N, C-alpha and C. Protein backbone atom coordinates (compact mmCIF):
# COMPACT_ATOMS: atom_id res chain seq x y z
N MET A 1 -166.51 57.93 -170.90
CA MET A 1 -165.94 56.76 -170.15
C MET A 1 -165.41 57.68 -169.11
N ALA A 2 -164.80 58.87 -169.05
CA ALA A 2 -164.44 59.73 -167.81
C ALA A 2 -165.47 59.87 -166.75
N VAL A 3 -166.72 60.38 -167.31
CA VAL A 3 -168.15 60.41 -166.25
C VAL A 3 -168.05 59.15 -165.54
N SER A 4 -167.96 57.88 -166.57
CA SER A 4 -168.27 56.56 -165.74
C SER A 4 -167.54 56.17 -164.45
N SER A 5 -165.94 56.48 -164.93
CA SER A 5 -164.79 56.56 -163.82
C SER A 5 -164.87 57.32 -162.76
N SER A 6 -165.26 58.29 -162.83
CA SER A 6 -165.49 59.63 -161.80
C SER A 6 -166.83 58.70 -161.12
N ARG A 7 -167.82 58.28 -161.73
CA ARG A 7 -168.94 57.75 -160.66
C ARG A 7 -168.47 56.52 -159.88
N THR A 8 -167.75 55.75 -160.63
CA THR A 8 -167.11 54.79 -160.08
C THR A 8 -166.21 55.02 -158.48
N ARG A 9 -165.32 56.21 -158.88
CA ARG A 9 -164.47 56.38 -157.65
C ARG A 9 -165.52 56.91 -156.59
N ARG A 10 -166.61 57.65 -157.09
CA ARG A 10 -167.21 58.31 -156.15
C ARG A 10 -168.29 56.93 -155.06
N ALA A 11 -168.31 56.08 -156.07
CA ALA A 11 -169.16 55.15 -155.33
C ALA A 11 -168.31 53.94 -154.35
N ILE A 12 -167.19 54.06 -154.63
CA ILE A 12 -166.22 53.42 -154.02
C ILE A 12 -165.92 54.32 -152.58
N ALA A 13 -165.65 55.58 -152.92
CA ALA A 13 -165.44 56.28 -151.95
C ALA A 13 -166.66 56.47 -150.72
N LEU A 14 -167.92 56.32 -151.12
CA LEU A 14 -169.10 56.23 -150.49
C LEU A 14 -169.06 54.88 -149.63
N VAL A 15 -168.89 53.84 -150.34
CA VAL A 15 -169.02 52.59 -149.85
C VAL A 15 -168.02 52.51 -148.45
N ALA A 16 -166.70 53.15 -148.76
CA ALA A 16 -165.82 53.19 -147.94
C ALA A 16 -166.08 54.14 -146.59
N VAL A 17 -166.46 55.33 -146.88
CA VAL A 17 -167.21 56.19 -145.79
C VAL A 17 -168.25 55.46 -144.92
N LEU A 18 -169.35 54.30 -145.53
CA LEU A 18 -170.16 53.77 -144.97
C LEU A 18 -169.84 52.66 -143.99
N LEU A 19 -168.69 52.18 -144.77
CA LEU A 19 -168.12 50.80 -143.88
C LEU A 19 -167.14 51.00 -142.76
N LEU A 20 -166.46 52.27 -142.89
CA LEU A 20 -165.74 52.61 -142.11
C LEU A 20 -166.18 52.37 -140.33
N PRO A 21 -167.42 53.06 -140.22
CA PRO A 21 -167.95 52.99 -138.77
C PRO A 21 -168.18 51.40 -138.24
N ILE A 22 -168.39 50.70 -139.59
CA ILE A 22 -168.63 49.23 -139.06
C ILE A 22 -167.31 48.62 -138.67
N ALA A 23 -166.48 48.87 -139.48
CA ALA A 23 -165.19 48.31 -139.29
C ALA A 23 -164.73 48.85 -137.63
N LEU A 24 -164.87 50.04 -137.75
CA LEU A 24 -164.18 50.62 -135.91
C LEU A 24 -165.00 49.73 -135.19
N VAL A 25 -166.23 49.42 -135.24
CA VAL A 25 -167.09 48.81 -134.36
C VAL A 25 -166.82 47.26 -134.04
N VAL A 26 -166.16 46.99 -135.18
CA VAL A 26 -165.97 45.39 -134.97
C VAL A 26 -164.54 45.44 -134.32
N ALA A 27 -163.66 46.32 -134.70
CA ALA A 27 -162.29 46.24 -134.14
C ALA A 27 -162.37 46.46 -132.67
N LEU A 28 -163.47 47.69 -132.23
CA LEU A 28 -163.36 47.81 -130.88
C LEU A 28 -163.92 46.67 -130.21
N ARG A 29 -165.12 46.15 -130.59
CA ARG A 29 -165.59 44.98 -129.56
C ARG A 29 -164.78 43.41 -129.92
N ARG A 30 -164.07 43.70 -130.58
CA ARG A 30 -163.00 42.56 -131.16
C ARG A 30 -162.55 41.85 -129.09
N PRO A 31 -162.77 40.52 -129.09
CA PRO A 31 -162.80 40.33 -127.59
C PRO A 31 -161.10 39.98 -127.19
N TYR A 32 -160.81 40.88 -126.23
CA TYR A 32 -159.38 40.81 -125.98
C TYR A 32 -158.79 39.26 -125.85
N PRO A 33 -157.42 39.03 -125.75
CA PRO A 33 -156.86 37.59 -125.43
C PRO A 33 -157.34 37.50 -123.97
N SER A 34 -157.11 36.52 -123.65
CA SER A 34 -157.53 36.26 -122.02
C SER A 34 -156.55 36.74 -120.98
N ASP A 35 -156.81 36.92 -119.61
CA ASP A 35 -156.14 37.97 -119.12
C ASP A 35 -155.21 36.55 -118.35
N ARG A 36 -155.41 35.50 -118.57
CA ARG A 36 -154.76 34.40 -118.44
C ARG A 36 -153.09 34.36 -119.28
N THR A 37 -153.13 35.37 -120.11
CA THR A 37 -151.87 35.37 -121.15
C THR A 37 -151.55 36.91 -120.61
N PRO A 38 -150.13 37.00 -120.76
CA PRO A 38 -149.68 38.46 -120.63
C PRO A 38 -149.98 39.35 -121.57
N GLU A 39 -150.46 39.19 -122.50
CA GLU A 39 -150.81 39.77 -123.93
C GLU A 39 -151.97 40.65 -123.31
N GLY A 40 -153.07 39.61 -122.80
CA GLY A 40 -154.55 39.95 -122.64
C GLY A 40 -154.31 41.04 -121.26
N ALA A 41 -153.54 40.56 -120.27
CA ALA A 41 -153.70 41.46 -119.11
C ALA A 41 -152.83 42.89 -119.52
N TYR A 42 -152.13 42.82 -120.31
CA TYR A 42 -151.18 44.19 -120.88
C TYR A 42 -152.73 45.12 -121.60
N MET A 43 -153.11 44.36 -122.58
CA MET A 43 -154.30 45.40 -123.10
C MET A 43 -155.34 45.85 -122.16
N ARG A 44 -155.41 45.07 -121.13
CA ARG A 44 -156.58 45.61 -120.07
C ARG A 44 -155.95 46.63 -119.39
N ILE A 45 -154.68 46.77 -119.06
CA ILE A 45 -154.15 47.85 -118.50
C ILE A 45 -153.91 49.06 -119.33
N ALA A 46 -153.75 48.58 -120.91
CA ALA A 46 -153.70 50.15 -121.61
C ALA A 46 -155.00 50.48 -122.02
N ARG A 47 -156.24 49.87 -122.19
CA ARG A 47 -157.20 50.42 -121.93
C ARG A 47 -157.56 51.17 -120.67
N ALA A 48 -157.14 50.77 -119.32
CA ALA A 48 -157.69 51.49 -118.13
C ALA A 48 -156.91 52.84 -118.21
N VAL A 49 -155.69 52.44 -118.35
CA VAL A 49 -154.89 53.82 -118.84
C VAL A 49 -155.18 54.97 -119.38
N ALA A 50 -155.97 54.57 -120.59
CA ALA A 50 -156.30 55.18 -121.57
C ALA A 50 -157.49 55.92 -121.30
N GLU A 51 -158.34 55.40 -120.45
CA GLU A 51 -159.62 55.65 -119.69
C GLU A 51 -159.25 56.59 -118.63
N GLY A 52 -158.11 56.51 -118.19
CA GLY A 52 -157.90 57.22 -116.91
C GLY A 52 -158.46 56.50 -115.62
N GLU A 53 -158.54 55.05 -115.44
CA GLU A 53 -159.27 54.36 -114.45
C GLU A 53 -158.02 53.50 -113.70
N PRO A 54 -157.14 53.86 -113.16
CA PRO A 54 -156.38 52.88 -112.48
C PRO A 54 -157.16 51.95 -111.37
N ARG A 55 -158.11 51.96 -110.81
CA ARG A 55 -158.53 51.09 -109.77
C ARG A 55 -159.00 49.83 -110.82
N SER A 56 -159.41 50.30 -112.28
CA SER A 56 -159.67 48.86 -113.20
C SER A 56 -158.58 48.02 -113.77
N PHE A 57 -157.45 48.62 -113.39
CA PHE A 57 -156.45 47.70 -113.47
C PHE A 57 -155.57 46.84 -112.41
N PHE A 58 -156.06 47.16 -111.10
CA PHE A 58 -155.64 46.67 -109.83
C PHE A 58 -155.49 45.00 -109.93
N ALA A 59 -156.65 44.41 -110.56
CA ALA A 59 -156.57 43.07 -110.84
C ALA A 59 -155.18 42.61 -111.68
N TYR A 60 -154.49 43.69 -112.16
CA TYR A 60 -153.50 43.32 -113.06
C TYR A 60 -152.13 43.76 -112.66
N LEU A 61 -152.20 43.94 -111.40
CA LEU A 61 -150.72 44.08 -110.85
C LEU A 61 -150.25 42.85 -109.99
N GLU A 62 -149.08 42.75 -109.90
CA GLU A 62 -148.70 41.40 -109.53
C GLU A 62 -148.79 41.31 -108.02
N GLN A 63 -149.22 39.90 -107.38
CA GLN A 63 -149.79 39.92 -105.86
C GLN A 63 -149.02 40.59 -104.89
N GLU A 64 -147.83 40.72 -104.94
CA GLU A 64 -147.09 41.36 -103.84
C GLU A 64 -147.50 42.79 -103.84
N ALA A 65 -147.66 43.32 -105.00
CA ALA A 65 -147.76 45.00 -104.99
C ALA A 65 -149.35 44.90 -104.61
N GLN A 66 -150.37 43.97 -104.83
CA GLN A 66 -151.89 44.02 -104.35
C GLN A 66 -151.62 44.01 -102.74
N TRP A 67 -151.15 42.93 -102.15
CA TRP A 67 -151.07 42.84 -100.76
C TRP A 67 -150.09 44.41 -100.33
N ALA A 68 -149.24 44.91 -100.83
CA ALA A 68 -148.83 45.90 -100.32
C ALA A 68 -149.70 47.20 -100.38
N CYS A 69 -150.66 47.40 -100.96
CA CYS A 69 -151.59 48.13 -101.22
C CYS A 69 -152.63 47.70 -99.85
N PHE A 70 -153.12 46.74 -99.37
CA PHE A 70 -153.68 46.63 -98.35
C PHE A 70 -153.36 46.35 -96.98
N THR A 71 -151.81 46.30 -96.86
CA THR A 71 -151.03 46.69 -95.91
C THR A 71 -151.03 48.04 -95.77
N ILE A 72 -150.80 48.95 -96.44
CA ILE A 72 -150.78 50.14 -96.08
C ILE A 72 -152.11 50.91 -95.70
N ARG A 73 -153.18 50.44 -96.41
CA ARG A 73 -154.65 50.57 -95.97
C ARG A 73 -154.60 50.38 -94.30
N ASP A 74 -154.18 49.06 -93.96
CA ASP A 74 -154.46 48.64 -92.87
C ASP A 74 -154.08 49.48 -91.66
N ALA A 75 -152.44 49.76 -92.16
CA ALA A 75 -151.68 50.36 -91.28
C ALA A 75 -151.99 51.80 -90.80
N ARG A 76 -152.22 52.61 -92.18
CA ARG A 76 -152.62 53.45 -91.74
C ARG A 76 -154.07 53.72 -90.96
N ALA A 77 -154.97 52.86 -91.39
CA ALA A 77 -156.13 52.92 -90.56
C ALA A 77 -156.03 52.63 -88.97
N LYS A 78 -155.25 51.84 -88.74
CA LYS A 78 -154.90 51.52 -87.38
C LYS A 78 -154.37 52.98 -86.57
N ALA A 79 -153.25 53.10 -87.23
CA ALA A 79 -152.40 54.59 -86.92
C ALA A 79 -153.42 55.36 -86.56
N THR A 80 -154.35 55.69 -87.31
CA THR A 80 -155.33 56.84 -87.31
C THR A 80 -156.40 56.66 -86.02
N GLN A 81 -156.95 55.44 -85.73
CA GLN A 81 -157.56 54.78 -84.54
C GLN A 81 -156.72 55.31 -83.38
N ARG A 82 -155.32 54.99 -83.29
CA ARG A 82 -154.83 55.46 -82.38
C ARG A 82 -154.41 56.73 -81.85
N ILE A 83 -154.38 57.64 -83.30
CA ILE A 83 -153.90 58.88 -83.00
C ILE A 83 -155.43 59.67 -82.32
N GLU A 84 -156.28 59.14 -82.95
CA GLU A 84 -157.31 59.80 -82.57
C GLU A 84 -157.89 59.42 -81.01
N ALA A 85 -157.25 58.59 -80.54
CA ALA A 85 -157.52 57.88 -79.25
C ALA A 85 -156.64 58.70 -78.30
N SER A 86 -155.29 58.90 -78.79
CA SER A 86 -154.09 59.49 -77.67
C SER A 86 -153.49 60.34 -78.11
N TYR A 87 -153.54 61.12 -79.16
CA TYR A 87 -152.75 62.25 -79.36
C TYR A 87 -153.31 63.13 -79.13
N PRO A 88 -152.61 64.19 -78.52
CA PRO A 88 -153.12 65.68 -78.15
C PRO A 88 -153.22 66.75 -79.38
N GLU A 89 -153.66 67.71 -79.32
CA GLU A 89 -153.61 68.84 -80.32
C GLU A 89 -152.06 69.20 -80.09
N PRO A 90 -151.65 70.00 -81.02
CA PRO A 90 -151.90 70.13 -82.40
C PRO A 90 -151.62 68.67 -83.20
N GLN A 91 -150.76 67.51 -82.51
CA GLN A 91 -150.06 66.54 -83.28
C GLN A 91 -151.22 65.69 -83.82
N ARG A 92 -152.35 65.84 -83.18
CA ARG A 92 -153.58 64.99 -83.45
C ARG A 92 -153.90 65.33 -85.28
N THR A 93 -154.27 66.58 -85.09
CA THR A 93 -154.70 67.10 -86.54
C THR A 93 -153.89 67.08 -87.69
N GLN A 94 -152.27 67.24 -87.31
CA GLN A 94 -151.24 67.16 -87.98
C GLN A 94 -151.17 65.71 -88.45
N MET A 95 -150.99 64.76 -87.71
CA MET A 95 -150.79 63.33 -87.98
C MET A 95 -152.02 62.61 -88.68
N LEU A 96 -153.12 62.98 -88.37
CA LEU A 96 -154.47 62.53 -89.20
C LEU A 96 -154.64 63.29 -90.52
N ALA A 97 -154.13 64.17 -90.67
CA ALA A 97 -154.09 64.88 -92.07
C ALA A 97 -153.35 64.07 -93.09
N GLN A 98 -152.09 63.72 -92.37
CA GLN A 98 -150.88 62.88 -93.25
C GLN A 98 -151.48 61.57 -93.57
N TYR A 99 -152.51 60.96 -92.48
CA TYR A 99 -152.77 59.29 -92.76
C TYR A 99 -154.65 59.46 -93.70
N ALA A 100 -154.56 60.28 -93.82
CA ALA A 100 -156.40 60.12 -94.03
C ALA A 100 -156.68 59.50 -95.21
N ALA A 101 -156.16 59.99 -96.25
CA ALA A 101 -156.51 59.58 -97.56
C ALA A 101 -156.34 57.81 -97.39
N ALA A 102 -155.25 57.39 -97.48
CA ALA A 102 -154.69 55.97 -97.08
C ALA A 102 -155.95 55.19 -96.13
N ALA A 103 -156.17 55.97 -95.07
CA ALA A 103 -156.78 55.32 -94.14
C ALA A 103 -158.16 55.02 -94.12
N LYS A 104 -158.83 56.01 -95.18
CA LYS A 104 -160.01 55.88 -95.35
C LYS A 104 -160.24 55.17 -96.76
N ALA A 105 -159.47 54.66 -97.45
CA ALA A 105 -159.49 54.18 -98.69
C ALA A 105 -160.36 52.57 -98.55
N PRO A 106 -161.44 52.74 -98.97
CA PRO A 106 -162.58 51.42 -99.25
C PRO A 106 -161.64 49.95 -99.63
N ASP A 107 -160.72 50.28 -100.32
CA ASP A 107 -160.05 48.93 -100.82
C ASP A 107 -158.75 49.47 -101.31
N GLY A 108 -158.05 48.14 -101.47
CA GLY A 108 -156.56 47.96 -102.10
C GLY A 108 -156.31 48.74 -103.34
N SER A 109 -157.45 48.55 -103.97
CA SER A 109 -157.42 49.26 -105.38
C SER A 109 -157.83 50.83 -105.08
N ASP A 110 -158.11 51.18 -104.09
CA ASP A 110 -157.99 52.34 -104.03
C ASP A 110 -156.96 53.50 -103.41
N VAL A 111 -156.28 52.54 -102.71
CA VAL A 111 -154.94 52.95 -102.23
C VAL A 111 -154.05 53.05 -103.63
N PHE A 112 -153.91 52.02 -104.42
CA PHE A 112 -153.16 52.25 -105.77
C PHE A 112 -153.56 53.24 -106.37
N ALA A 113 -154.78 53.87 -106.50
CA ALA A 113 -155.23 54.81 -107.46
C ALA A 113 -154.40 56.23 -106.62
N LEU A 114 -154.72 56.11 -105.69
CA LEU A 114 -153.91 57.22 -104.75
C LEU A 114 -152.09 57.48 -105.23
N PHE A 115 -151.81 56.47 -105.05
CA PHE A 115 -150.32 56.44 -105.30
C PHE A 115 -150.23 56.84 -107.05
N TYR A 116 -151.13 56.21 -107.74
CA TYR A 116 -151.13 56.58 -109.21
C TYR A 116 -151.20 57.99 -109.66
N ALA A 117 -151.90 58.64 -108.78
CA ALA A 117 -152.06 60.08 -108.98
C ALA A 117 -151.03 60.64 -108.11
N GLU A 118 -150.54 60.49 -107.10
CA GLU A 118 -149.61 61.44 -106.25
C GLU A 118 -148.18 61.50 -107.11
N ARG A 119 -147.91 60.12 -107.58
CA ARG A 119 -146.56 60.09 -107.91
C ARG A 119 -146.52 60.16 -109.81
N GLY A 120 -147.67 60.36 -110.09
CA GLY A 120 -147.57 60.43 -111.73
C GLY A 120 -147.09 59.39 -112.40
N TRP A 121 -147.63 58.06 -112.02
CA TRP A 121 -147.62 56.83 -112.63
C TRP A 121 -148.19 56.80 -113.81
N ALA A 122 -149.35 57.44 -114.23
CA ALA A 122 -149.81 57.39 -115.59
C ALA A 122 -148.94 58.14 -116.61
N ARG A 123 -148.10 59.03 -116.46
CA ARG A 123 -147.16 59.63 -117.06
C ARG A 123 -146.32 58.24 -117.81
N ARG A 124 -145.72 57.58 -116.67
CA ARG A 124 -144.62 56.50 -117.19
C ARG A 124 -145.33 55.30 -117.85
N LEU A 125 -146.80 55.19 -117.79
CA LEU A 125 -147.48 54.13 -118.82
C LEU A 125 -147.67 54.77 -120.13
N ARG A 126 -148.01 56.03 -119.89
CA ARG A 126 -148.46 56.47 -121.22
C ARG A 126 -147.56 57.05 -122.14
N LYS A 127 -146.10 56.72 -121.99
CA LYS A 127 -144.98 57.01 -122.67
C LYS A 127 -144.66 55.82 -123.85
N ASP A 128 -145.73 54.61 -123.51
CA ASP A 128 -145.25 53.69 -124.37
C ASP A 128 -146.57 52.37 -123.86
N MET A 129 -147.63 52.77 -124.51
CA MET A 129 -148.78 51.78 -124.27
C MET A 129 -149.20 51.08 -125.57
N SER A 130 -148.19 51.20 -126.72
CA SER A 130 -148.41 50.80 -128.09
C SER A 130 -148.62 49.57 -128.15
N GLY A 131 -148.90 48.87 -129.42
CA GLY A 131 -149.38 47.63 -129.63
C GLY A 131 -148.52 46.38 -129.28
N VAL A 132 -148.44 45.28 -129.33
CA VAL A 132 -147.80 44.18 -128.79
C VAL A 132 -147.04 43.65 -130.00
N VAL A 133 -145.92 43.51 -129.95
CA VAL A 133 -145.07 42.96 -130.92
C VAL A 133 -144.89 41.41 -130.50
N LYS A 134 -144.57 41.31 -129.53
CA LYS A 134 -144.41 39.88 -129.32
C LYS A 134 -144.18 39.85 -127.35
N VAL A 135 -144.23 38.64 -127.03
CA VAL A 135 -144.21 38.11 -125.56
C VAL A 135 -143.17 37.08 -125.62
N ASP A 136 -142.19 37.60 -124.58
CA ASP A 136 -141.32 36.57 -124.16
C ASP A 136 -141.77 35.92 -122.91
N VAL A 137 -141.90 34.48 -122.72
CA VAL A 137 -142.37 33.91 -121.44
C VAL A 137 -141.08 33.19 -121.03
N GLU A 138 -140.78 33.13 -119.76
CA GLU A 138 -139.94 32.17 -118.95
C GLU A 138 -140.77 31.63 -117.69
N GLY A 139 -141.34 30.76 -117.65
CA GLY A 139 -142.15 30.27 -116.53
C GLY A 139 -142.68 31.04 -115.87
N GLU A 140 -142.67 31.80 -114.69
CA GLU A 140 -143.53 32.69 -113.96
C GLU A 140 -143.33 34.31 -114.57
N ARG A 141 -142.58 34.42 -115.16
CA ARG A 141 -142.28 35.87 -115.79
C ARG A 141 -142.44 35.82 -117.11
N ALA A 142 -142.81 37.07 -117.53
CA ALA A 142 -142.91 37.49 -118.97
C ALA A 142 -142.50 38.84 -119.16
N SER A 143 -141.84 39.09 -120.75
CA SER A 143 -142.14 40.72 -121.15
C SER A 143 -142.99 40.52 -122.32
N VAL A 144 -143.53 41.84 -122.05
CA VAL A 144 -144.60 42.14 -123.16
C VAL A 144 -143.74 43.31 -124.18
N VAL A 145 -143.17 43.00 -125.07
CA VAL A 145 -142.54 44.00 -125.83
C VAL A 145 -143.28 44.72 -126.85
N THR A 146 -143.54 46.10 -126.82
CA THR A 146 -144.19 46.92 -127.52
C THR A 146 -143.58 47.19 -129.01
N ALA A 147 -144.47 47.91 -130.00
CA ALA A 147 -144.27 48.68 -131.03
C ALA A 147 -143.11 49.46 -131.06
N GLN A 148 -142.93 50.13 -130.15
CA GLN A 148 -141.98 51.27 -129.90
C GLN A 148 -140.75 50.46 -128.91
N GLY A 149 -140.98 49.56 -128.71
CA GLY A 149 -139.56 48.77 -128.13
C GLY A 149 -139.70 48.64 -126.46
N THR A 150 -140.88 49.44 -125.98
CA THR A 150 -140.69 48.97 -124.28
C THR A 150 -140.95 47.62 -124.27
N ARG A 151 -140.09 47.19 -122.70
CA ARG A 151 -140.45 45.75 -122.12
C ARG A 151 -141.24 46.31 -121.13
N TRP A 152 -142.63 45.64 -120.96
CA TRP A 152 -143.53 45.73 -119.85
C TRP A 152 -143.06 44.23 -118.98
N PRO A 153 -142.58 44.15 -117.76
CA PRO A 153 -142.45 42.94 -116.90
C PRO A 153 -143.90 42.55 -116.26
N PHE A 154 -144.17 41.30 -116.39
CA PHE A 154 -145.23 40.47 -115.81
C PHE A 154 -144.93 39.64 -115.06
N ARG A 155 -145.42 39.12 -114.24
CA ARG A 155 -145.37 37.97 -113.40
C ARG A 155 -146.82 37.09 -112.95
N LEU A 156 -146.57 35.85 -113.15
CA LEU A 156 -147.92 35.07 -113.00
C LEU A 156 -148.48 35.03 -111.68
N ARG A 157 -149.63 35.53 -111.01
CA ARG A 157 -150.11 35.20 -110.17
C ARG A 157 -150.88 33.92 -109.81
N ASP A 158 -150.95 33.75 -108.28
CA ASP A 158 -151.54 32.31 -108.22
C ASP A 158 -153.04 32.07 -108.54
N ASN A 159 -153.67 33.00 -109.17
CA ASN A 159 -155.08 32.66 -109.61
C ASN A 159 -154.91 32.33 -111.23
N GLY A 160 -153.71 32.79 -111.62
CA GLY A 160 -153.31 32.25 -113.10
C GLY A 160 -153.43 33.69 -113.94
N ILE A 161 -153.86 35.02 -113.39
CA ILE A 161 -153.70 36.06 -114.15
C ILE A 161 -152.44 36.45 -114.13
N TRP A 162 -151.90 37.21 -115.09
CA TRP A 162 -150.46 38.00 -115.08
C TRP A 162 -150.78 39.25 -114.58
N GLY A 163 -149.79 39.52 -113.56
CA GLY A 163 -150.03 40.67 -113.16
C GLY A 163 -148.49 41.71 -113.55
N ILE A 164 -148.63 43.04 -113.67
CA ILE A 164 -147.42 44.09 -114.19
C ILE A 164 -146.65 44.34 -112.95
N THR A 165 -145.53 44.45 -113.39
CA THR A 165 -144.44 44.23 -111.89
C THR A 165 -143.93 45.86 -111.71
N VAL A 166 -144.29 46.70 -112.46
CA VAL A 166 -143.38 47.74 -112.74
C VAL A 166 -143.81 48.50 -111.15
N PHE A 167 -144.71 48.60 -110.69
CA PHE A 167 -145.01 49.01 -109.30
C PHE A 167 -144.76 48.61 -108.00
N THR A 168 -144.30 47.32 -108.14
CA THR A 168 -144.11 46.66 -106.81
C THR A 168 -143.07 47.17 -105.66
N ALA A 169 -141.90 47.39 -106.26
CA ALA A 169 -140.99 47.83 -105.18
C ALA A 169 -141.23 49.20 -104.52
N GLU A 170 -141.92 49.81 -105.44
CA GLU A 170 -142.50 51.38 -104.58
C GLU A 170 -143.73 50.96 -103.66
N LEU A 171 -144.57 50.09 -104.04
CA LEU A 171 -145.72 49.85 -103.43
C LEU A 171 -145.14 48.93 -101.91
N VAL A 172 -144.08 48.10 -101.97
CA VAL A 172 -143.64 47.20 -101.03
C VAL A 172 -143.03 48.14 -99.97
N ALA A 173 -141.96 49.09 -100.68
CA ALA A 173 -141.46 49.93 -99.77
C ALA A 173 -142.49 50.83 -98.89
N GLU A 174 -143.54 51.14 -99.63
CA GLU A 174 -144.51 52.25 -98.96
C GLU A 174 -145.13 51.57 -97.90
N SER A 175 -145.35 50.27 -98.12
CA SER A 175 -146.16 49.53 -97.27
C SER A 175 -145.38 49.12 -96.00
N GLU A 176 -143.70 48.87 -96.02
CA GLU A 176 -142.74 48.73 -95.31
C GLU A 176 -142.66 50.24 -94.12
N LYS A 177 -143.12 50.83 -95.04
CA LYS A 177 -142.81 52.53 -94.17
C LYS A 177 -144.27 52.49 -93.28
N ALA A 178 -145.18 52.34 -93.73
CA ALA A 178 -146.47 52.23 -93.16
C ALA A 178 -146.53 51.42 -91.88
N THR A 179 -145.63 50.46 -91.98
CA THR A 179 -145.93 49.43 -90.95
C THR A 179 -144.95 49.94 -89.97
N ARG A 180 -143.60 50.60 -90.14
CA ARG A 180 -142.86 51.12 -89.58
C ARG A 180 -143.59 52.56 -88.67
N ASP A 181 -144.46 53.31 -89.56
CA ASP A 181 -144.92 54.23 -88.93
C ASP A 181 -145.69 53.95 -87.63
N LEU A 182 -146.65 52.91 -88.11
CA LEU A 182 -147.73 52.39 -87.15
C LEU A 182 -147.07 52.19 -85.74
N ALA A 183 -145.61 51.46 -85.63
CA ALA A 183 -145.05 51.24 -84.44
C ALA A 183 -144.42 52.53 -83.69
N VAL A 184 -144.34 53.15 -84.56
CA VAL A 184 -143.87 54.74 -84.03
C VAL A 184 -144.95 55.42 -83.17
N VAL A 185 -146.37 55.52 -84.09
CA VAL A 185 -147.28 56.01 -83.51
C VAL A 185 -147.74 55.36 -82.22
N ASN A 186 -147.77 53.97 -82.45
CA ASN A 186 -148.11 53.14 -80.98
C ASN A 186 -147.31 53.44 -80.06
N ALA A 187 -146.01 53.44 -80.09
CA ALA A 187 -145.01 53.90 -78.90
C ALA A 187 -145.30 55.25 -78.54
N ALA A 188 -145.75 56.48 -79.39
CA ALA A 188 -146.24 57.42 -78.95
C ALA A 188 -147.22 57.71 -78.22
N ALA A 189 -148.49 57.07 -78.69
CA ALA A 189 -149.54 56.62 -78.04
C ALA A 189 -149.43 56.38 -76.70
N ASP A 190 -148.99 55.55 -76.53
CA ASP A 190 -148.54 54.86 -75.22
C ASP A 190 -147.83 55.60 -74.25
N ASP A 191 -146.97 56.78 -74.91
CA ASP A 191 -146.43 57.93 -74.07
C ASP A 191 -147.52 58.79 -73.59
N TYR A 192 -148.32 59.27 -74.62
CA TYR A 192 -149.43 60.10 -74.23
C TYR A 192 -150.38 59.63 -73.19
N ASP A 193 -150.61 58.46 -73.49
CA ASP A 193 -151.65 57.66 -72.64
C ASP A 193 -151.07 57.67 -71.15
N ARG A 194 -149.72 57.42 -71.02
CA ARG A 194 -149.21 57.30 -69.94
C ARG A 194 -149.25 58.91 -68.99
N ALA A 195 -148.73 59.86 -69.74
CA ALA A 195 -148.78 61.26 -69.35
C ALA A 195 -150.00 61.47 -68.81
N SER A 196 -151.08 60.87 -69.69
CA SER A 196 -152.21 61.65 -69.32
C SER A 196 -153.12 60.91 -68.28
N GLY A 197 -152.41 59.68 -68.07
CA GLY A 197 -153.22 59.16 -66.82
C GLY A 197 -154.04 57.87 -67.86
N ARG A 198 -154.17 57.51 -68.74
CA ARG A 198 -155.26 57.04 -69.52
C ARG A 198 -154.78 55.45 -69.89
N ALA A 199 -153.09 55.58 -69.34
CA ALA A 199 -152.88 53.93 -69.25
C ALA A 199 -153.01 52.97 -68.45
N LYS A 200 -153.34 51.83 -68.88
CA LYS A 200 -153.71 50.76 -67.54
C LYS A 200 -152.81 50.19 -67.03
């Protein structure tokens, strides 16, 4: 009787061991909810954070944050062109070093990845990207509430996808700074052009 019971336990354990990989594959391949739901957008962000791929969740930032990234890139690129054309050394080299990364970024998602790395935003997100307990939706705004109690804010974008809003204020402030810096660069470049006789 004891032998039979021991064999039964071993058989159950063996079946469990064999079924575990299958269960994991099914769980990992289970489709996410639509990114047209706050939960679906959050889950895609959580995966990107876990994989260390901030560019892949640029699509899940709110619209204003995305626009800010493109503004930063464009302003830095224009400033770089003006610096290269008009600034004398050593100012040229110093200023170009400041602006190079954002100016050369191929896309807004690359600008976002720069700030994500520089400002340690991964740490902020990794504090709690646990499972979703509930989603509170009020019009175009939503909060995804995690198992650890964090509320992640989202806003509905024009294309129907939900975008996280936690980076918007910093990115907008940075885009405003880049625009102001461009005006300063242009004014200084005009002065350098006049001093060198290049001004028309």
